[in-house]
């Protein structure tokens, strides 16, 4: 074999046995040109091509030693020049100068970045030289971030600018990466800037980012994410005006599109760019909080989850000391936090592992399924206010359980029709509202085993029920996108309203509509797969409506925090959005890998989300892989993100949205 050829592929392999050949081959998951071989003589070797396109000299920060594809010879970038360029790229991202793909165009680079470099440093750089430098930034970022990509147990300290891990994790990593031992002690002051500038590009393939349509550069592989987001989605420009209050449309994050009551939509990104261009000296930048890593929050996965089936329903007990889950196979699990020195009150915590509670009989609470196809079942349950009883159904009879003993107290209402939603009456736990798949609602007295009345107004199955014990009403929602308000004194319908269809949404995406009352018992959260909205009851006046970005996938669940200040929304891409309740402004995004297990199931995402009853920043997730997780912010943070400037300074609502700070009525 030609020795020059061996050198060209970076392989030096000397064998005294000519019959040696590879039996197995494996490709590296994040490097498309690297693979490993297992040989018949027991040898194992790793092979990758030489990088002939960019030869990096660390002393000059990756300047090319050769002439490029054209005739232009590139000048070196000094450390000062590279640092200034990186700062400008970060600033350009925060100013919203990227295009719809999250990229800086050639015009933007030449007009804004080069002009500043020339003014400050006297540089005369070309766009081709800019592209070479961006390539080098990407390689630096990928080199730093491989700890996060390929290894669990690593974190990032935002104060010391160091990567963090236990001694065992470091030692294991160095076994395969001995050249990176300096990572353990060195600081990386540019890591966060590199992440903003080049670490979140536009996806052009699995785990890849592009430099833009007007460049011939190769595609580089970036940090593994469920969805590759352009950074422009993470910022909003907010004008500060002492006399004029901004409207809801001005306050909504560019990660969402807000739909007015007339049904038209606006491109908030363009509006924010205009504000940035015309009022840059008067504008302040508010940055969306991104939680991307396990070190940025407290999270745990409860033990003994039913990993073979998805979690269909999830709730905290009213005491906040336990979590109850209903699985797609009709089985319930209950986890309780044990008493300990660090948790004497047994409250639910994301840094203390709960225990799966099992009755003495060892028999779990299991619903009747009526032999219904699991895909056709609509599991539902509700908990009494004193945490003593749970009513539950999974396509078959409705069961009433004693939650302390798991014993079945009663069963009733054999299908058809099957129950699709259950709710206890707020003033009498013997009365429950039963939403059915034939679009009707039955008001049922458990004590006397009788239907008091039947409510009919929907055209499709009931998907949500919510009582207001202040207004004395029941709000129902259905797969027909209709909301109905019923008096609980007379059980007569007071009013009804259809959710407005966002532009571009199909009927299929507007299927199930679910509802929940705010703690003030007058404002109502309604959500579907593609939109969320807040209504004022009893008139069903729509106060604000928002359509989250499609990159996140469909909405799987949403719930108010216990204080009514926030709305937690789970998405099909695995992320959790923390929205300001009064304006539906996204202020924090928690990505999948911040709470995923060490070896996550790629396709898993949250189906249900539950808010802690008295801890406003804690919530629980029920996942498609059967896992149940509990998440809360670090003690140093205390909450999920910060409010936009207008939100923080506003003392009252704007007329478009009701403030969640108002006193209870």
Foldseek 3Di string as FASTA:
>chain_A
DDVVVCVQFPHDDDDPDPPKDFPDKAADPQDRFKIWTQIPVRDIDIIGGDDPQWDADVQQLGQRPDAHPDPDRDDTQHPVNLVLLLVVLLVCLLLLCADPQLAHDLCNCVPPVQVVCCVPPVDDDHVVNVVSSLVSLQVVLQVVCVCVQPFPQWDADPPQQAIDGDPVRLVVVCVVVVVCNVSHPDHDVCNVSSCLRPQQGGDPDQQWHDNDDPDPDDIHGHRHALFRHRSSQFKAKDADDPPDFDALCNAAGQLWWWADPVQDIDNVSVVRSVCCVPPVVRIDMAGFAEAEAQVFWQKDWAPPFPLAFFWQDKEAQLVQFKIWTATLQQFIWIWGQDADPVRNPNHDDSNGHTDTDAAPVRDTQGADQVPDDSVPWQKEKEADNVRQWMWIHTNAWIFIAGVVHNDTPDTDDGDDFGFRYKDADPVDRQWMWTWTQCQKIFTAGNVVGDTPDIDHDDRGTWHEWEAQPVVQWIWTWFQVQKIWIAHNVVRDTDDMDGDDDHPPDDSVQSGHKYWYAAPLSFKMWIDTFFKIWIAGPDVRHTQIMIGRHCSQATWQEWDAFLLRQWIWIWGQSAKIFTAGRFSRHTRYIYGRNNHADRDHDNRKHFNYKYHRNPQRFKIWTIIRSRIIMIIGGDPVVSHGGDRDPSLVPDPAHDRSGGHSPDDRD
